[in-house]
Amino acid sequence: GPIPPTSGFRFDPARCHSIVQVREEGLVASLRVDGDSEHSAMLMPPIPPSGQHYVELLLENTGTPDCFIQLGVCRGTHEVDKGVPAYQTDSGWCFSCHNGNLLHADQGVEYCKRLPRQGDRVGMLADMDWRTLEIFVNGEGQGVMVRGLPDRLFFVVDAGDAHQTLRVVPTAALPAQARATHSPQGPA
């Protein structure tokens, strides 16, 4: 059947660094001030351990034209309150809006050329049956970014510039392209 919309994923103030302000019942997260690094804002609930789960974020304000924002998944074990971003740990897998790289354990690997900027939408599809993460930019799939994901994960954003603002698009449905490539029979 069709993949449901974002399934109620929201920013959780209890799982965000103190410089992140969460508004509109968890739909919006923004940075009050510049961080000394990037800081995490995690979304709740946890990603269910099976099925396909999609969330889409609108980059309302990127803070700078270079868009130093990372979006992905994490185990939720990194020290959010101490300012450790998920992508710097071995428990986070994030897409860099700045350069298109996959960031994991503070290492970057080339992933895609499509760099989202202010006003763009970035979707994350966690396929927990196949243990993959795919990124979508304005509804266009960028291919599978990560394979072999663990089973207890959260969607996460790492950001570090004042005024960076991301909005959950609560009505976003999984793009038709993903429904074709992530069918119950597996990737095409």
C-alpha atoms as a PDB file:
ATOM      1  CA  GLY A   1       0.000   0.000   0.000  1.00  0.00           C
ATOM      2  CA  PRO A   2       0.989   3.649  -0.130  1.00  0.00           C
ATOM      3  CA  ILE A   3       3.532   4.954   2.354  1.00  0.00           C
ATOM      4  CA  PRO A   4       1.844   7.228   4.905  1.00  0.00           C
ATOM      5  CA  PRO A   5       2.897  10.870   5.249  1.00  0.00           C
ATOM      6  CA  THR A   6       5.564  11.747   7.798  1.00  0.00           C
ATOM      7  CA  SER A   7       3.856   9.608  10.463  1.00  0.00           C
ATOM      8  CA  GLY A   8       3.958  12.333  13.085  1.00  0.00           C
ATOM      9  CA  PHE A   9       7.740  12.871  13.270  1.00  0.00           C
ATOM     10  CA  ARG A  10       8.432  16.107  15.177  1.00  0.00           C
ATOM     11  CA  PHE A  11      11.424  17.858  16.697  1.00  0.00           C
ATOM     12  CA  ASP A  12      11.679  16.922  20.379  1.00  0.00           C
ATOM     13  CA  PRO A  13      12.954  19.798  22.581  1.00  0.00           C
ATOM     14  CA  ALA A  14      14.228  17.225  25.122  1.00  0.00           C
ATOM     15  CA  ARG A  15      16.469  15.719  22.408  1.00  0.00           C
ATOM     16  CA  CYS A  16      17.801  18.978  20.972  1.00  0.00           C
ATOM     17  CA  HIS A  17      20.847  21.036  21.955  1.00  0.00           C
ATOM     18  CA  SER A  18      20.038  24.079  24.113  1.00  0.00           C
ATOM     19  CA  ILE A  19      20.653  26.594  21.269  1.00  0.00           C
ATOM     20  CA  VAL A  20      17.866  24.951  19.234  1.00  0.00           C
ATOM     21  CA  GLN A  21      14.435  26.513  19.691  1.00  0.00           C
ATOM     22  CA  VAL A  22      11.524  24.179  18.898  1.00  0.00           C
ATOM     23  CA  ARG A  23       8.223  25.831  17.959  1.00  0.00           C
ATOM     24  CA  GLU A  24       4.794  25.056  16.520  1.00  0.00           C
ATOM     25  CA  GLU A  25       4.348  21.779  18.423  1.00  0.00           C
ATOM     26  CA  GLY A  26       7.637  20.386  17.116  1.00  0.00           C
ATOM     27  CA  LEU A  27       7.169  21.258  13.451  1.00  0.00           C
ATOM     28  CA  VAL A  28       9.874  23.962  13.461  1.00  0.00           C
ATOM     29  CA  ALA A  29      13.431  23.987  14.807  1.00  0.00           C
ATOM     30  CA  SER A  30      15.695  27.028  14.588  1.00  0.00           C
ATOM     31  CA  LEU A  31      19.042  28.026  16.028  1.00  0.00           C
ATOM     32  CA  ARG A  32      18.961  31.010  18.394  1.00  0.00           C
ATOM     33  CA  VAL A  33      22.699  31.777  18.049  1.00  0.00           C
ATOM     34  CA  ASP A  34      25.777  30.552  16.200  1.00  0.00           C
ATOM     35  CA  GLY A  35      27.053  27.286  17.621  1.00  0.00           C
ATOM     36  CA  ASP A  36      30.718  26.474  18.230  1.00  0.00           C
ATOM     37  CA  SER A  37      30.101  23.483  15.919  1.00  0.00           C
ATOM     38  CA  GLU A  38      26.951  21.903  14.520  1.00  0.00           C
ATOM     39  CA  HIS A  39      24.396  20.855  17.112  1.00  0.00           C
ATOM     40  CA  SER A  40      21.755  18.141  16.919  1.00  0.00           C
ATOM     41  CA  ALA A  41      17.992  18.371  16.825  1.00  0.00           C
ATOM     42  CA  MET A  42      16.423  14.909  16.962  1.00  0.00           C
ATOM     43  CA  LEU A  43      12.935  14.025  15.817  1.00  0.00           C
ATOM     44  CA  MET A  44      10.560  11.741  17.691  1.00  0.00           C
ATOM     45  CA  PRO A  45       9.166   9.141  17.715  1.00  0.00           C
ATOM     46  CA  PRO A  46      11.970   6.643  17.022  1.00  0.00           C
ATOM     47  CA  ILE A  47      11.881   5.217  13.502  1.00  0.00           C
ATOM     48  CA  PRO A  48       9.897   1.963  13.704  1.00  0.00           C
ATOM     49  CA  PRO A  49      12.126  -1.128  13.204  1.00  0.00           C
ATOM     50  CA  SER A  50      10.346  -2.325  10.046  1.00  0.00           C
ATOM     51  CA  GLY A  51       8.679  -0.761   7.028  1.00  0.00           C
ATOM     52  CA  GLN A  52       9.408   2.461   5.161  1.00  0.00           C
ATOM     53  CA  HIS A  53       9.411   5.776   6.997  1.00  0.00           C
ATOM     54  CA  TYR A  54       9.654   9.173   5.337  1.00  0.00           C
ATOM     55  CA  VAL A  55      10.035  12.688   6.682  1.00  0.00           C
ATOM     56  CA  GLU A  56      10.513  15.846   4.654  1.00  0.00           C
ATOM     57  CA  LEU A  57      12.025  19.101   5.890  1.00  0.00           C
ATOM     58  CA  LEU A  58      11.740  22.550   4.327  1.00  0.00           C
ATOM     59  CA  LEU A  59      14.964  24.569   4.604  1.00  0.00           C
ATOM     60  CA  GLU A  60      13.249  27.833   5.597  1.00  0.00           C
ATOM     61  CA  ASN A  61      16.475  29.636   6.500  1.00  0.00           C
ATOM     62  CA  THR A  62      19.947  28.215   5.840  1.00  0.00           C
ATOM     63  CA  GLY A  63      21.754  30.901   7.879  1.00  0.00           C
ATOM     64  CA  THR A  64      24.444  31.298   5.224  1.00  0.00           C
ATOM     65  CA  PRO A  65      24.417  30.704   1.447  1.00  0.00           C
ATOM     66  CA  ASP A  66      26.738  27.686   1.947  1.00  0.00           C
ATOM     67  CA  CYS A  67      24.004  25.795   3.842  1.00  0.00           C
ATOM     68  CA  PHE A  68      25.958  24.053   6.609  1.00  0.00           C
ATOM     69  CA  ILE A  69      23.101  21.710   7.547  1.00  0.00           C
ATOM     70  CA  GLN A  70      23.303  17.915   7.834  1.00  0.00           C
ATOM     71  CA  LEU A  71      20.228  15.667   7.814  1.00  0.00           C
ATOM     72  CA  GLY A  72      20.039  11.941   8.409  1.00  0.00           C
ATOM     73  CA  VAL A  73      19.594   9.269  11.028  1.00  0.00           C
ATOM     74  CA  CYS A  74      21.318   8.424  14.295  1.00  0.00           C
ATOM     75  CA  ARG A  75      21.105   5.890  17.099  1.00  0.00           C
ATOM     76  CA  GLY A  76      20.469   8.687  19.589  1.00  0.00           C
ATOM     77  CA  THR A  77      23.469   7.712  21.701  1.00  0.00           C
ATOM     78  CA  HIS A  78      25.649  10.775  20.981  1.00  0.00           C
ATOM     79  CA  GLU A  79      25.935  13.554  23.568  1.00  0.00           C
ATOM     80  CA  VAL A  80      23.426  16.039  22.173  1.00  0.00           C
ATOM     81  CA  ASP A  81      23.514  18.230  25.319  1.00  0.00           C
ATOM     82  CA  LYS A  82      27.320  18.546  25.128  1.00  0.00           C
ATOM     83  CA  GLY A  83      27.180  19.770  21.524  1.00  0.00           C
ATOM     84  CA  VAL A  84      28.347  16.616  19.773  1.00  0.00           C
ATOM     85  CA  PRO A  85      26.732  16.437  16.306  1.00  0.00           C
ATOM     86  CA  ALA A  86      25.476  13.051  15.116  1.00  0.00           C
ATOM     87  CA  TYR A  87      27.594  13.078  11.936  1.00  0.00           C
ATOM     88  CA  GLN A  88      30.830  13.228  13.960  1.00  0.00           C
ATOM     89  CA  THR A  89      30.062   9.908  15.652  1.00  0.00           C
ATOM     90  CA  ASP A  90      29.916   6.299  14.517  1.00  0.00           C
ATOM     91  CA  SER A  91      26.211   6.339  15.451  1.00  0.00           C
ATOM     92  CA  GLY A  92      25.117   8.950  12.887  1.00  0.00           C
ATOM     93  CA  TRP A  93      24.736   8.919   9.092  1.00  0.00           C
ATOM     94  CA  CYS A  94      24.012  12.363   7.637  1.00  0.00           C
ATOM     95  CA  PHE A  95      23.668  14.063   4.257  1.00  0.00           C
ATOM     96  CA  SER A  96      25.591  17.349   3.979  1.00  0.00           C
ATOM     97  CA  CYS A  97      23.517  20.021   2.252  1.00  0.00           C
ATOM     98  CA  HIS A  98      26.788  21.978   1.916  1.00  0.00           C
ATOM     99  CA  ASN A  99      28.717  19.545  -0.309  1.00  0.00           C
ATOM    100  CA  GLY A 100      26.470  16.542  -0.965  1.00  0.00           C
ATOM    101  CA  ASN A 101      28.619  14.120   1.039  1.00  0.00           C
ATOM    102  CA  LEU A 102      27.560  11.292   3.329  1.00  0.00           C
ATOM    103  CA  LEU A 103      29.032  12.154   6.738  1.00  0.00           C
ATOM    104  CA  HIS A 104      29.681   9.380   9.272  1.00  0.00           C
ATOM    105  CA  ALA A 105      32.241   9.196  12.114  1.00  0.00           C
ATOM    106  CA  ASP A 106      33.429  12.694  11.044  1.00  0.00           C
ATOM    107  CA  GLN A 107      34.416  11.380   7.594  1.00  0.00           C
ATOM    108  CA  GLY A 108      32.918  12.451   4.288  1.00  0.00           C
ATOM    109  CA  VAL A 109      32.234  10.256   1.262  1.00  0.00           C
ATOM    110  CA  GLU A 110      30.903  11.666  -2.014  1.00  0.00           C
ATOM    111  CA  TYR A 111      27.183  10.930  -2.370  1.00  0.00           C
ATOM    112  CA  CYS A 112      25.369  13.312  -4.736  1.00  0.00           C
ATOM    113  CA  LYS A 113      25.748  16.519  -6.707  1.00  0.00           C
ATOM    114  CA  ARG A 114      22.327  18.033  -5.935  1.00  0.00           C
ATOM    115  CA  LEU A 115      22.905  20.609  -3.185  1.00  0.00           C
ATOM    116  CA  PRO A 116      19.752  21.903  -1.498  1.00  0.00           C
ATOM    117  CA  ARG A 117      19.581  25.550  -0.538  1.00  0.00           C
ATOM    118  CA  GLN A 118      17.133  27.880   1.205  1.00  0.00           C
ATOM    119  CA  GLY A 119      13.556  27.163   0.141  1.00  0.00           C
ATOM    120  CA  ASP A 120      14.311  23.577  -0.921  1.00  0.00           C
ATOM    121  CA  ARG A 121      12.758  20.458   0.616  1.00  0.00           C
ATOM    122  CA  VAL A 122      14.915  17.538   1.755  1.00  0.00           C
ATOM    123  CA  GLY A 123      13.248  14.185   2.344  1.00  0.00           C
ATOM    124  CA  MET A 124      14.709  11.202   4.165  1.00  0.00           C
ATOM    125  CA  LEU A 125      13.460   7.677   3.488  1.00  0.00           C
ATOM    126  CA  ALA A 126      14.504   5.090   6.057  1.00  0.00           C
ATOM    127  CA  ASP A 127      13.634   1.685   4.620  1.00  0.00           C
ATOM    128  CA  MET A 128      13.985  -0.480   7.698  1.00  0.00           C
ATOM    129  CA  ASP A 129      13.194  -3.710   5.841  1.00  0.00           C
ATOM    130  CA  TRP A 130      16.195  -3.120   3.552  1.00  0.00           C
ATOM    131  CA  ARG A 131      18.142  -1.120   6.233  1.00  0.00           C
ATOM    132  CA  THR A 132      18.772   1.758   3.811  1.00  0.00           C
ATOM    133  CA  LEU A 133      18.591   5.551   3.861  1.00  0.00           C
ATOM    134  CA  GLU A 134      17.832   7.551   0.723  1.00  0.00           C
ATOM    135  CA  ILE A 135      17.751  11.339   0.393  1.00  0.00           C
ATOM    136  CA  PHE A 136      15.268  13.271  -1.766  1.00  0.00           C
ATOM    137  CA  VAL A 137      15.786  16.884  -2.839  1.00  0.00           C
ATOM    138  CA  ASN A 138      12.549  18.592  -3.916  1.00  0.00           C
ATOM    139  CA  GLY A 139      11.034  15.137  -4.474  1.00  0.00           C
ATOM    140  CA  GLU A 140      13.924  13.831  -6.600  1.00  0.00           C
ATOM    141  CA  GLY A 141      15.609  10.703  -5.260  1.00  0.00           C
ATOM    142  CA  GLN A 142      19.391  10.851  -4.952  1.00  0.00           C
ATOM    143  CA  GLY A 143      19.879   7.087  -4.687  1.00  0.00           C
ATOM    144  CA  VAL A 144      20.534   4.981  -1.593  1.00  0.00           C
ATOM    145  CA  MET A 145      23.054   6.788   0.634  1.00  0.00           C
ATOM    146  CA  VAL A 146      23.542   4.169   3.368  1.00  0.00           C
ATOM    147  CA  ARG A 147      23.039   0.396   3.550  1.00  0.00           C
ATOM    148  CA  GLY A 148      23.217  -1.846   6.624  1.00  0.00           C
ATOM    149  CA  LEU A 149      21.623   0.538   9.116  1.00  0.00           C
ATOM    150  CA  PRO A 150      20.997  -0.676  12.686  1.00  0.00           C
ATOM    151  CA  ASP A 151      17.412  -1.165  13.841  1.00  0.00           C
ATOM    152  CA  ARG A 152      16.975   1.569  16.483  1.00  0.00           C
ATOM    153  CA  LEU A 153      17.231   4.963  14.846  1.00  0.00           C
ATOM    154  CA  PHE A 154      15.949   8.531  14.958  1.00  0.00           C
ATOM    155  CA  PHE A 155      15.790  11.171  12.260  1.00  0.00           C
ATOM    156  CA  VAL A 156      18.235  13.983  13.088  1.00  0.00           C
ATOM    157  CA  VAL A 157      19.397  17.402  11.900  1.00  0.00           C
ATOM    158  CA  ASP A 158      22.829  18.846  12.707  1.00  0.00           C
ATOM    159  CA  ALA A 159      23.069  22.624  12.238  1.00  0.00           C
ATOM    160  CA  GLY A 160      25.310  25.366  13.587  1.00  0.00           C
ATOM    161  CA  ASP A 161      24.518  28.839  12.185  1.00  0.00           C
ATOM    162  CA  ALA A 162      22.234  31.379  13.858  1.00  0.00           C
ATOM    163  CA  HIS A 163      18.732  31.602  12.411  1.00  0.00           C
ATOM    164  CA  GLN A 164      18.941  28.287  10.533  1.00  0.00           C
ATOM    165  CA  THR A 165      15.331  27.107  10.477  1.00  0.00           C
ATOM    166  CA  LEU A 166      13.873  23.788   9.348  1.00  0.00           C
ATOM    167  CA  ARG A 167      10.197  22.922   9.108  1.00  0.00           C
ATOM    168  CA  VAL A 168       8.700  19.430   9.052  1.00  0.00           C
ATOM    169  CA  VAL A 169       6.309  19.189   6.091  1.00  0.00           C
ATOM    170  CA  PRO A 170       3.535  17.204   7.829  1.00  0.00           C
ATOM    171  CA  THR A 171       1.571  16.489   4.640  1.00  0.00           C
ATOM    172  CA  ALA A 172       4.564  15.256   2.614  1.00  0.00           C
ATOM    173  CA  ALA A 173       4.001  11.873   1.033  1.00  0.00           C
ATOM    174  CA  LEU A 174       6.737   9.625  -0.239  1.00  0.00           C
ATOM    175  CA  PRO A 175       7.622  10.655  -3.818  1.00  0.00           C
ATOM    176  CA  ALA A 176       6.253   8.327  -6.529  1.00  0.00           C
ATOM    177  CA  GLN A 177       9.841   7.563  -7.615  1.00  0.00           C
ATOM    178  CA  ALA A 178      10.549   6.024  -4.203  1.00  0.00           C
ATOM    179  CA  ARG A 179       7.406   3.933  -4.250  1.00  0.00           C
ATOM    180  CA  ALA A 180       8.672   2.378  -7.485  1.00  0.00           C
ATOM    181  CA  THR A 181      12.241   1.730  -6.333  1.00  0.00           C
ATOM    182  CA  HIS A 182      11.360   0.645  -2.788  1.00  0.00           C
ATOM    183  CA  SER A 183       8.585  -1.796  -3.559  1.00  0.00           C
ATOM    184  CA  PRO A 184       7.862  -4.803  -1.300  1.00  0.00           C
ATOM    185  CA  GLN A 185       9.859  -6.888  -3.798  1.00  0.00           C
ATOM    186  CA  GLY A 186      12.897  -4.730  -3.025  1.00  0.00           C
ATOM    187  CA  PRO A 187      14.919  -2.162  -4.917  1.00  0.00           C
ATOM    188  CA  ALA A 188      14.466  -2.201  -8.677  1.00  0.00           C
END
